[in-house]
Amino acid sequence: MAEPKPKTTIKLKAKDTSPKAQKSSSGPTVRTGRKPRAIPKKGEPLIVAEYLSKAFGKDAFALDDVSLEIREGEFVSLVGRSGAGKSTLTNMIIGEERLTEGRLFVNGWNVSLLKRRHIPFFRRQIGVVFQDFKLLSRKTVFENVAFALVVRGAPHKQIMEDVPRMLALVGLAGKEERFPHELSGGEKQRVAIARAFVHRPKLLVADEPTGNLDALYAWEIIEVLLKINELGTTVLLATHDRDIVNRLHRRVITLDGGRLIRDQEVGEYVL
């Protein structure tokens, strides 16, 4: 069965911040009258967040009035202390968590209005890498990566061509028949990245992908993400690793207490 198209798609060229544009009778309430922050320009907008808030209780906010824009082809580090709101924001972007207030567009989908039945199809357009790998323990390296294509109904020929190509990209050629317990932590994360990227998404979200790795393996993972970014995929890296962020010399978005406090085109982890 063909995948349903989202109810609301957009082709954003420039953000209209007028009160009329921000109000929607069918969407969540959006506070108006504030000028969005200036952001770096690269490709077309891929992620547009307008005044996002996520409330837990009356006066407790995991995110509070966050506006940002991430464009095609960017490599962005999202940083902040524990509890700053990084995971909440990334979970909103992948459709895992609902926002309380504001609007969020990801790759043409209005996530603010995303219906539950469309979430699986929406997520298939995004690659996601987690800290704990989430590999299938009883499947080989090849089968773990192939699984992402199998669930999409990809033909056998495509699977047999794309999986080896992805494993070569992440430096795991020749290890197709190994099982997760036979791999190092760095190798497990490479498998997870290959699985997330095998369907060539426009956006790859990496949530603390180096959190369980030592410094040497951690930077090897970052080099794989940089290689993917060079192929045209936007990478959003949520991390608390100061050394990695400062070594990257890329755009850095800093959250603190649920608020966006800093957005630097070439930035550092300065908290």
C-alpha atoms as a PDB file:
ATOM      1  CA  MET A   1       0.000   0.000   0.000  1.00  0.00           C
ATOM      2  CA  ALA A   2       1.346   3.429  -0.916  1.00  0.00           C
ATOM      3  CA  GLU A   3       2.502   5.648   1.916  1.00  0.00           C
ATOM      4  CA  PRO A   4       0.038   8.439   2.733  1.00  0.00           C
ATOM      5  CA  LYS A   5       1.116  11.977   2.057  1.00  0.00           C
ATOM      6  CA  PRO A   6       1.093  14.402   4.974  1.00  0.00           C
ATOM      7  CA  LYS A   7      -1.962  16.544   5.320  1.00  0.00           C
ATOM      8  CA  THR A   8       0.121  19.697   5.362  1.00  0.00           C
ATOM      9  CA  THR A   9       3.260  20.172   3.308  1.00  0.00           C
ATOM     10  CA  ILE A  10       5.310  23.294   2.923  1.00  0.00           C
ATOM     11  CA  LYS A  11       7.969  24.725   0.691  1.00  0.00           C
ATOM     12  CA  LEU A  12       9.622  27.296   2.852  1.00  0.00           C
ATOM     13  CA  LYS A  13      11.667  30.053   1.236  1.00  0.00           C
ATOM     14  CA  ALA A  14      11.404  32.749   3.856  1.00  0.00           C
ATOM     15  CA  LYS A  15       9.726  32.739   7.224  1.00  0.00           C
ATOM     16  CA  ASP A  16       6.654  34.963   7.504  1.00  0.00           C
ATOM     17  CA  THR A  17       6.651  36.169  11.097  1.00  0.00           C
ATOM     18  CA  SER A  18       3.566  38.365  10.962  1.00  0.00           C
ATOM     19  CA  PRO A  19       0.875  37.672  13.580  1.00  0.00           C
ATOM     20  CA  LYS A  20      -1.525  36.653  10.817  1.00  0.00           C
ATOM     21  CA  ALA A  21       0.914  34.055   9.500  1.00  0.00           C
ATOM     22  CA  GLN A  22       1.632  32.683  12.964  1.00  0.00           C
ATOM     23  CA  LYS A  23      -1.997  32.102  13.949  1.00  0.00           C
ATOM     24  CA  SER A  24      -3.753  28.982  12.752  1.00  0.00           C
ATOM     25  CA  SER A  25      -7.296  27.968  13.553  1.00  0.00           C
ATOM     26  CA  SER A  26      -6.379  24.280  13.175  1.00  0.00           C
ATOM     27  CA  GLY A  27      -2.996  24.312  14.920  1.00  0.00           C
ATOM     28  CA  PRO A  28      -1.704  25.029  18.406  1.00  0.00           C
ATOM     29  CA  THR A  29      -1.665  28.520  19.849  1.00  0.00           C
ATOM     30  CA  VAL A  30       1.407  30.509  18.840  1.00  0.00           C
ATOM     31  CA  ARG A  31       2.585  33.493  20.816  1.00  0.00           C
ATOM     32  CA  THR A  32       3.252  36.422  18.507  1.00  0.00           C
ATOM     33  CA  GLY A  33       5.054  39.727  18.421  1.00  0.00           C
ATOM     34  CA  ARG A  34       8.607  38.375  18.774  1.00  0.00           C
ATOM     35  CA  LYS A  35      11.290  38.457  16.128  1.00  0.00           C
ATOM     36  CA  PRO A  36      12.921  35.067  15.370  1.00  0.00           C
ATOM     37  CA  ARG A  37      16.667  34.861  15.842  1.00  0.00           C
ATOM     38  CA  ALA A  38      18.962  35.285  12.858  1.00  0.00           C
ATOM     39  CA  ILE A  39      20.339  31.948  11.623  1.00  0.00           C
ATOM     40  CA  PRO A  40      23.032  30.880   9.164  1.00  0.00           C
ATOM     41  CA  LYS A  41      21.992  30.359   5.535  1.00  0.00           C
ATOM     42  CA  LYS A  42      22.908  27.307   3.478  1.00  0.00           C
ATOM     43  CA  GLY A  43      20.251  25.323   1.583  1.00  0.00           C
ATOM     44  CA  GLU A  44      16.461  25.257   1.774  1.00  0.00           C
ATOM     45  CA  PRO A  45      14.909  25.108   5.270  1.00  0.00           C
ATOM     46  CA  LEU A  46      14.637  21.512   6.490  1.00  0.00           C
ATOM     47  CA  ILE A  47      13.638  22.123  10.108  1.00  0.00           C
ATOM     48  CA  VAL A  48      11.678  25.209  11.146  1.00  0.00           C
ATOM     49  CA  ALA A  49      10.672  25.614  14.798  1.00  0.00           C
ATOM     50  CA  GLU A  50       8.571  28.587  15.830  1.00  0.00           C
ATOM     51  CA  TYR A  51       8.141  29.384  19.537  1.00  0.00           C
ATOM     52  CA  LEU A  52       8.211  25.731  20.641  1.00  0.00           C
ATOM     53  CA  SER A  53       7.244  24.957  24.204  1.00  0.00           C
ATOM     54  CA  LYS A  54       6.798  21.681  26.022  1.00  0.00           C
ATOM     55  CA  ALA A  55       5.139  21.919  29.428  1.00  0.00           C
ATOM     56  CA  PHE A  56       5.204  19.345  32.204  1.00  0.00           C
ATOM     57  CA  GLY A  57       2.759  20.766  34.699  1.00  0.00           C
ATOM     58  CA  LYS A  58       1.585  24.341  35.125  1.00  0.00           C
ATOM     59  CA  ASP A  59       4.931  26.111  35.463  1.00  0.00           C
ATOM     60  CA  ALA A  60       7.473  23.422  34.439  1.00  0.00           C
ATOM     61  CA  PHE A  61       8.855  23.600  30.907  1.00  0.00           C
ATOM     62  CA  ALA A  62      11.232  21.172  29.205  1.00  0.00           C
ATOM     63  CA  LEU A  63      11.303  23.645  26.289  1.00  0.00           C
ATOM     64  CA  ASP A  64      10.284  27.273  26.567  1.00  0.00           C
ATOM     65  CA  ASP A  65       9.729  29.468  23.492  1.00  0.00           C
ATOM     66  CA  VAL A  66      12.401  27.957  21.228  1.00  0.00           C
ATOM     67  CA  SER A  67      12.680  29.246  17.647  1.00  0.00           C
ATOM     68  CA  LEU A  68      15.304  28.007  15.201  1.00  0.00           C
ATOM     69  CA  GLU A  69      15.864  27.008  11.601  1.00  0.00           C
ATOM     70  CA  ILE A  70      18.155  24.292  10.260  1.00  0.00           C
ATOM     71  CA  ARG A  71      18.824  24.139   6.540  1.00  0.00           C
ATOM     72  CA  GLU A  72      19.633  21.357   4.117  1.00  0.00           C
ATOM     73  CA  GLY A  73      23.280  20.329   4.245  1.00  0.00           C
ATOM     74  CA  GLU A  74      24.099  21.764   7.674  1.00  0.00           C
ATOM     75  CA  PHE A  75      25.965  19.946  10.435  1.00  0.00           C
ATOM     76  CA  VAL A  76      24.603  21.273  13.731  1.00  0.00           C
ATOM     77  CA  SER A  77      25.628  20.431  17.284  1.00  0.00           C
ATOM     78  CA  LEU A  78      22.874  20.772  19.882  1.00  0.00           C
ATOM     79  CA  VAL A  79      24.431  21.208  23.319  1.00  0.00           C
ATOM     80  CA  GLY A  80      23.450  21.896  26.896  1.00  0.00           C
ATOM     81  CA  ARG A  81      23.652  20.514  30.402  1.00  0.00           C
ATOM     82  CA  SER A  82      21.568  17.540  31.494  1.00  0.00           C
ATOM     83  CA  GLY A  83      17.939  18.668  31.573  1.00  0.00           C
ATOM     84  CA  ALA A  84      18.546  21.561  29.163  1.00  0.00           C
ATOM     85  CA  GLY A  85      15.943  20.260  26.717  1.00  0.00           C
ATOM     86  CA  LYS A  86      18.118  18.551  24.074  1.00  0.00           C
ATOM     87  CA  SER A  87      16.306  15.219  24.164  1.00  0.00           C
ATOM     88  CA  THR A  88      12.896  16.900  24.245  1.00  0.00           C
ATOM     89  CA  LEU A  89      13.737  18.889  21.119  1.00  0.00           C
ATOM     90  CA  THR A  90      15.171  15.932  19.212  1.00  0.00           C
ATOM     91  CA  ASN A  91      12.186  13.789  20.227  1.00  0.00           C
ATOM     92  CA  MET A  92       9.850  16.452  18.851  1.00  0.00           C
ATOM     93  CA  ILE A  93      11.790  16.556  15.585  1.00  0.00           C
ATOM     94  CA  ILE A  94      11.457  12.790  15.078  1.00  0.00           C
ATOM     95  CA  GLY A  95       7.780  12.823  16.071  1.00  0.00           C
ATOM     96  CA  GLU A  96       8.306  10.992  19.343  1.00  0.00           C
ATOM     97  CA  GLU A  97       6.997  13.788  21.563  1.00  0.00           C
ATOM     98  CA  ARG A  98       4.161  16.266  21.101  1.00  0.00           C
ATOM     99  CA  LEU A  99       4.674  19.976  21.562  1.00  0.00           C
ATOM    100  CA  THR A 100       2.520  22.065  23.890  1.00  0.00           C
ATOM    101  CA  GLU A 101       2.764  25.325  21.999  1.00  0.00           C
ATOM    102  CA  GLY A 102       4.270  26.619  18.755  1.00  0.00           C
ATOM    103  CA  ARG A 103       4.787  25.129  15.302  1.00  0.00           C
ATOM    104  CA  LEU A 104       7.322  22.651  13.936  1.00  0.00           C
ATOM    105  CA  PHE A 105       7.999  21.739  10.308  1.00  0.00           C
ATOM    106  CA  VAL A 106      10.386  18.930   9.343  1.00  0.00           C
ATOM    107  CA  ASN A 107      11.111  18.107   5.708  1.00  0.00           C
ATOM    108  CA  GLY A 108       7.765  19.497   4.575  1.00  0.00           C
ATOM    109  CA  TRP A 109       5.695  17.844   7.303  1.00  0.00           C
ATOM    110  CA  ASN A 110       3.801  19.981   9.786  1.00  0.00           C
ATOM    111  CA  VAL A 111       4.757  17.985  12.861  1.00  0.00           C
ATOM    112  CA  SER A 112       2.526  20.211  14.975  1.00  0.00           C
ATOM    113  CA  LEU A 113      -0.513  18.642  13.266  1.00  0.00           C
ATOM    114  CA  LEU A 114       0.910  15.186  12.532  1.00  0.00           C
ATOM    115  CA  LYS A 115      -1.702  12.465  12.945  1.00  0.00           C
ATOM    116  CA  ARG A 116      -0.720   9.329  14.817  1.00  0.00           C
ATOM    117  CA  ARG A 117      -1.314   7.083  11.812  1.00  0.00           C
ATOM    118  CA  HIS A 118       1.178   9.099   9.754  1.00  0.00           C
ATOM    119  CA  ILE A 119       4.009   9.019  12.306  1.00  0.00           C
ATOM    120  CA  PRO A 120       5.583   5.718  11.078  1.00  0.00           C
ATOM    121  CA  PHE A 121       5.753   7.057   7.510  1.00  0.00           C
ATOM    122  CA  PHE A 122       7.134  10.387   8.708  1.00  0.00           C
ATOM    123  CA  ARG A 123       9.887   8.675  10.702  1.00  0.00           C
ATOM    124  CA  ARG A 124      10.989   6.638   7.710  1.00  0.00           C
ATOM    125  CA  GLN A 125      12.241   9.870   6.138  1.00  0.00           C
ATOM    126  CA  ILE A 126      14.586  10.533   9.053  1.00  0.00           C
ATOM    127  CA  GLY A 127      17.621   8.576  10.189  1.00  0.00           C
ATOM    128  CA  VAL A 128      18.003   8.294  13.970  1.00  0.00           C
ATOM    129  CA  VAL A 129      21.041   7.110  15.941  1.00  0.00           C
ATOM    130  CA  PHE A 130      20.878   6.559  19.703  1.00  0.00           C
ATOM    131  CA  GLN A 131      23.468   6.253  22.436  1.00  0.00           C
ATOM    132  CA  ASP A 132      22.587   2.605  23.182  1.00  0.00           C
ATOM    133  CA  PHE A 133      22.783   1.361  19.555  1.00  0.00           C
ATOM    134  CA  LYS A 134      19.426  -0.522  19.617  1.00  0.00           C
ATOM    135  CA  LEU A 135      20.724  -3.345  17.439  1.00  0.00           C
ATOM    136  CA  LEU A 136      18.854  -6.626  17.026  1.00  0.00           C
ATOM    137  CA  SER A 137      21.010  -9.096  18.960  1.00  0.00           C
ATOM    138  CA  ARG A 138      19.987 -12.195  16.986  1.00  0.00           C
ATOM    139  CA  LYS A 139      20.624 -10.641  13.589  1.00  0.00           C
ATOM    140  CA  THR A 140      23.959 -10.245  11.831  1.00  0.00           C
ATOM    141  CA  VAL A 141      25.474  -6.905  10.892  1.00  0.00           C
ATOM    142  CA  PHE A 142      24.096  -7.306   7.374  1.00  0.00           C
ATOM    143  CA  GLU A 143      20.630  -8.236   8.645  1.00  0.00           C
ATOM    144  CA  ASN A 144      20.522  -5.309  11.089  1.00  0.00           C
ATOM    145  CA  VAL A 145      21.193  -2.824   8.310  1.00  0.00           C
ATOM    146  CA  ALA A 146      18.939  -4.628   5.832  1.00  0.00           C
ATOM    147  CA  PHE A 147      16.056  -4.532   8.321  1.00  0.00           C
ATOM    148  CA  ALA A 148      15.588  -0.810   7.712  1.00  0.00           C
ATOM    149  CA  LEU A 149      14.986  -1.537   4.035  1.00  0.00           C
ATOM    150  CA  VAL A 150      12.876  -4.646   4.608  1.00  0.00           C
ATOM    151  CA  VAL A 151      10.293  -2.714   6.649  1.00  0.00           C
ATOM    152  CA  ARG A 152      10.034  -0.214   3.793  1.00  0.00           C
ATOM    153  CA  GLY A 153       9.305  -3.000   1.327  1.00  0.00           C
ATOM    154  CA  ALA A 154      12.543  -2.532  -0.636  1.00  0.00           C
ATOM    155  CA  PRO A 155      13.195  -5.158  -3.348  1.00  0.00           C
ATOM    156  CA  HIS A 156      15.789  -7.869  -2.721  1.00  0.00           C
ATOM    157  CA  LYS A 157      18.100  -6.522  -5.405  1.00  0.00           C
ATOM    158  CA  GLN A 158      18.199  -3.082  -3.796  1.00  0.00           C
ATOM    159  CA  ILE A 159      18.937  -4.587  -0.384  1.00  0.00           C
ATOM    160  CA  MET A 160      21.805  -6.665  -1.756  1.00  0.00           C
ATOM    161  CA  GLU A 161      23.292  -3.581  -3.389  1.00  0.00           C
ATOM    162  CA  ASP A 162      22.681  -0.917  -0.741  1.00  0.00           C
ATOM    163  CA  VAL A 163      23.655  -2.768   2.439  1.00  0.00           C
ATOM    164  CA  PRO A 164      27.248  -3.602   1.386  1.00  0.00           C
ATOM    165  CA  ARG A 165      27.627  -0.044   0.128  1.00  0.00           C
ATOM    166  CA  MET A 166      26.570   1.371   3.500  1.00  0.00           C
ATOM    167  CA  LEU A 167      28.804  -1.006   5.445  1.00  0.00           C
ATOM    168  CA  ALA A 168      31.757   0.049   3.320  1.00  0.00           C
ATOM    169  CA  LEU A 169      30.893   3.698   3.969  1.00  0.00           C
ATOM    170  CA  VAL A 170      31.061   3.230   7.745  1.00  0.00           C
ATOM    171  CA  GLY A 171      34.186   1.049   7.617  1.00  0.00           C
ATOM    172  CA  LEU A 172      32.612  -2.363   8.280  1.00  0.00           C
ATOM    173  CA  ALA A 173      33.197  -4.115   4.962  1.00  0.00           C
ATOM    174  CA  GLY A 174      34.013  -7.771   5.655  1.00  0.00           C
ATOM    175  CA  LYS A 175      32.076  -7.904   8.929  1.00  0.00           C
ATOM    176  CA  GLU A 176      28.654  -8.551   7.430  1.00  0.00           C
ATOM    177  CA  GLU A 177      28.183 -11.948   9.123  1.00  0.00           C
ATOM    178  CA  ARG A 178      29.180 -10.915  12.630  1.00  0.00           C
ATOM    179  CA  PHE A 179      26.638 -10.572  15.406  1.00  0.00           C
ATOM    180  CA  PRO A 180      26.433  -7.547  17.739  1.00  0.00           C
ATOM    181  CA  HIS A 181      28.105  -9.390  20.642  1.00  0.00           C
ATOM    182  CA  GLU A 182      31.153  -9.899  18.433  1.00  0.00           C
ATOM    183  CA  LEU A 183      31.623  -6.173  17.850  1.00  0.00           C
ATOM    184  CA  SER A 184      33.265  -3.365  19.804  1.00  0.00           C
ATOM    185  CA  GLY A 185      31.172  -0.429  20.983  1.00  0.00           C
ATOM    186  CA  GLY A 186      32.437   1.714  18.133  1.00  0.00           C
ATOM    187  CA  GLU A 187      31.595  -0.969  15.596  1.00  0.00           C
ATOM    188  CA  LYS A 188      28.085  -1.345  17.018  1.00  0.00           C
ATOM    189  CA  GLN A 189      27.513   2.375  16.597  1.00  0.00           C
ATOM    190  CA  ARG A 190      28.779   2.179  13.000  1.00  0.00           C
ATOM    191  CA  VAL A 191      26.180  -0.519  12.320  1.00  0.00           C
ATOM    192  CA  ALA A 192      23.512   1.725  13.843  1.00  0.00           C
ATOM    193  CA  ILE A 193      24.613   4.613  11.619  1.00  0.00           C
ATOM    194  CA  ALA A 194      24.599   2.421   8.510  1.00  0.00           C
ATOM    195  CA  ARG A 195      21.074   1.272   9.379  1.00  0.00           C
ATOM    196  CA  ALA A 196      19.929   4.873   9.902  1.00  0.00           C
ATOM    197  CA  PHE A 197      21.452   6.039   6.632  1.00  0.00           C
ATOM    198  CA  VAL A 198      20.783   3.100   4.308  1.00  0.00           C
ATOM    199  CA  HIS A 199      17.577   4.686   2.963  1.00  0.00           C
ATOM    200  CA  ARG A 200      19.456   7.968   2.371  1.00  0.00           C
ATOM    201  CA  PRO A 201      17.339  10.330   4.499  1.00  0.00           C
ATOM    202  CA  LYS A 202      17.652  14.099   4.188  1.00  0.00           C
ATOM    203  CA  LEU A 203      18.047  14.367   7.958  1.00  0.00           C
ATOM    204  CA  LEU A 204      20.044  12.258  10.399  1.00  0.00           C
ATOM    205  CA  VAL A 205      19.489  12.884  14.103  1.00  0.00           C
ATOM    206  CA  ALA A 206      22.234  11.532  16.369  1.00  0.00           C
ATOM    207  CA  ASP A 207      21.301  11.655  20.062  1.00  0.00           C
ATOM    208  CA  GLU A 208      24.475  11.284  22.171  1.00  0.00           C
ATOM    209  CA  PRO A 209      25.972   8.755  19.702  1.00  0.00           C
ATOM    210  CA  THR A 210      29.365   8.820  21.433  1.00  0.00           C
ATOM    211  CA  GLY A 211      28.103   8.704  25.025  1.00  0.00           C
ATOM    212  CA  ASN A 212      29.178   5.083  25.585  1.00  0.00           C
ATOM    213  CA  LEU A 213      32.511   5.316  23.750  1.00  0.00           C
ATOM    214  CA  ASP A 214      36.023   6.350  24.693  1.00  0.00           C
ATOM    215  CA  ALA A 215      37.627   9.359  23.017  1.00  0.00           C
ATOM    216  CA  LEU A 216      39.281   7.466  20.144  1.00  0.00           C
ATOM    217  CA  TYR A 217      36.153   5.587  19.079  1.00  0.00           C
ATOM    218  CA  ALA A 218      34.020   8.678  19.672  1.00  0.00           C
ATOM    219  CA  TRP A 219      35.894  10.764  17.127  1.00  0.00           C
ATOM    220  CA  GLU A 220      35.770   7.906  14.601  1.00  0.00           C
ATOM    221  CA  ILE A 221      31.982   8.021  14.874  1.00  0.00           C
ATOM    222  CA  ILE A 222      32.010  11.780  14.313  1.00  0.00           C
ATOM    223  CA  GLU A 223      34.145  11.285  11.208  1.00  0.00           C
ATOM    224  CA  VAL A 224      31.489   8.917   9.843  1.00  0.00           C
ATOM    225  CA  LEU A 225      28.811  11.528  10.512  1.00  0.00           C
ATOM    226  CA  LEU A 226      30.914  14.162   8.755  1.00  0.00           C
ATOM    227  CA  LYS A 227      31.264  11.874   5.755  1.00  0.00           C
ATOM    228  CA  ILE A 228      27.477  11.450   5.648  1.00  0.00           C
ATOM    229  CA  ASN A 229      27.078  15.209   5.879  1.00  0.00           C
ATOM    230  CA  GLU A 230      29.456  15.651   2.927  1.00  0.00           C
ATOM    231  CA  LEU A 231      27.093  13.449   0.895  1.00  0.00           C
ATOM    232  CA  GLY A 232      24.361  16.060   1.421  1.00  0.00           C
ATOM    233  CA  THR A 233      22.486  14.798   4.476  1.00  0.00           C
ATOM    234  CA  THR A 234      21.741  17.293   7.241  1.00  0.00           C
ATOM    235  CA  VAL A 235      23.139  16.100  10.585  1.00  0.00           C
ATOM    236  CA  LEU A 236      21.782  17.184  13.963  1.00  0.00           C
ATOM    237  CA  LEU A 237      24.140  16.006  16.707  1.00  0.00           C
ATOM    238  CA  ALA A 238      22.857  16.234  20.287  1.00  0.00           C
ATOM    239  CA  THR A 239      25.837  15.889  22.588  1.00  0.00           C
ATOM    240  CA  HIS A 240      27.391  16.901  25.895  1.00  0.00           C
ATOM    241  CA  ASP A 241      30.932  16.175  24.639  1.00  0.00           C
ATOM    242  CA  ARG A 242      32.745  19.513  24.815  1.00  0.00           C
ATOM    243  CA  ASP A 243      35.903  18.289  23.068  1.00  0.00           C
ATOM    244  CA  ILE A 244      34.007  16.994  20.044  1.00  0.00           C
ATOM    245  CA  VAL A 245      31.959  20.165  19.642  1.00  0.00           C
ATOM    246  CA  ASN A 246      34.988  22.431  19.911  1.00  0.00           C
ATOM    247  CA  ARG A 247      36.947  20.299  17.462  1.00  0.00           C
ATOM    248  CA  LEU A 248      34.174  20.331  14.862  1.00  0.00           C
ATOM    249  CA  HIS A 249      34.113  24.113  14.284  1.00  0.00           C
ATOM    250  CA  ARG A 250      30.541  23.883  13.004  1.00  0.00           C
ATOM    251  CA  ARG A 251      27.280  25.516  13.961  1.00  0.00           C
ATOM    252  CA  VAL A 252      26.392  25.159  17.660  1.00  0.00           C
ATOM    253  CA  ILE A 253      22.941  25.662  19.204  1.00  0.00           C
ATOM    254  CA  THR A 254      22.988  25.903  22.993  1.00  0.00           C
ATOM    255  CA  LEU A 255      20.006  25.197  25.251  1.00  0.00           C
ATOM    256  CA  ASP A 256      19.823  26.014  28.932  1.00  0.00           C
ATOM    257  CA  GLY A 257      16.804  25.463  31.149  1.00  0.00           C
ATOM    258  CA  GLY A 258      14.656  24.737  28.093  1.00  0.00           C
ATOM    259  CA  ARG A 259      15.565  28.015  26.358  1.00  0.00           C
ATOM    260  CA  LEU A 260      17.738  28.651  23.343  1.00  0.00           C
ATOM    261  CA  ILE A 261      20.472  30.913  24.688  1.00  0.00           C
ATOM    262  CA  ARG A 262      23.049  30.817  21.900  1.00  0.00           C
ATOM    263  CA  ASP A 263      23.163  30.019  18.160  1.00  0.00           C
ATOM    264  CA  GLN A 264      26.626  30.331  16.601  1.00  0.00           C
ATOM    265  CA  GLU A 265      27.443  29.654  12.954  1.00  0.00           C
ATOM    266  CA  VAL A 266      30.930  28.503  13.962  1.00  0.00           C
ATOM    267  CA  GLY A 267      30.700  27.936  17.657  1.00  0.00           C
ATOM    268  CA  GLU A 268      32.029  26.241  20.764  1.00  0.00           C
ATOM    269  CA  TYR A 269      30.639  24.482  23.797  1.00  0.00           C
ATOM    270  CA  VAL A 270      30.981  27.317  26.302  1.00  0.00           C
ATOM    271  CA  LEU A 271      28.686  26.313  29.185  1.00  0.00           C
END
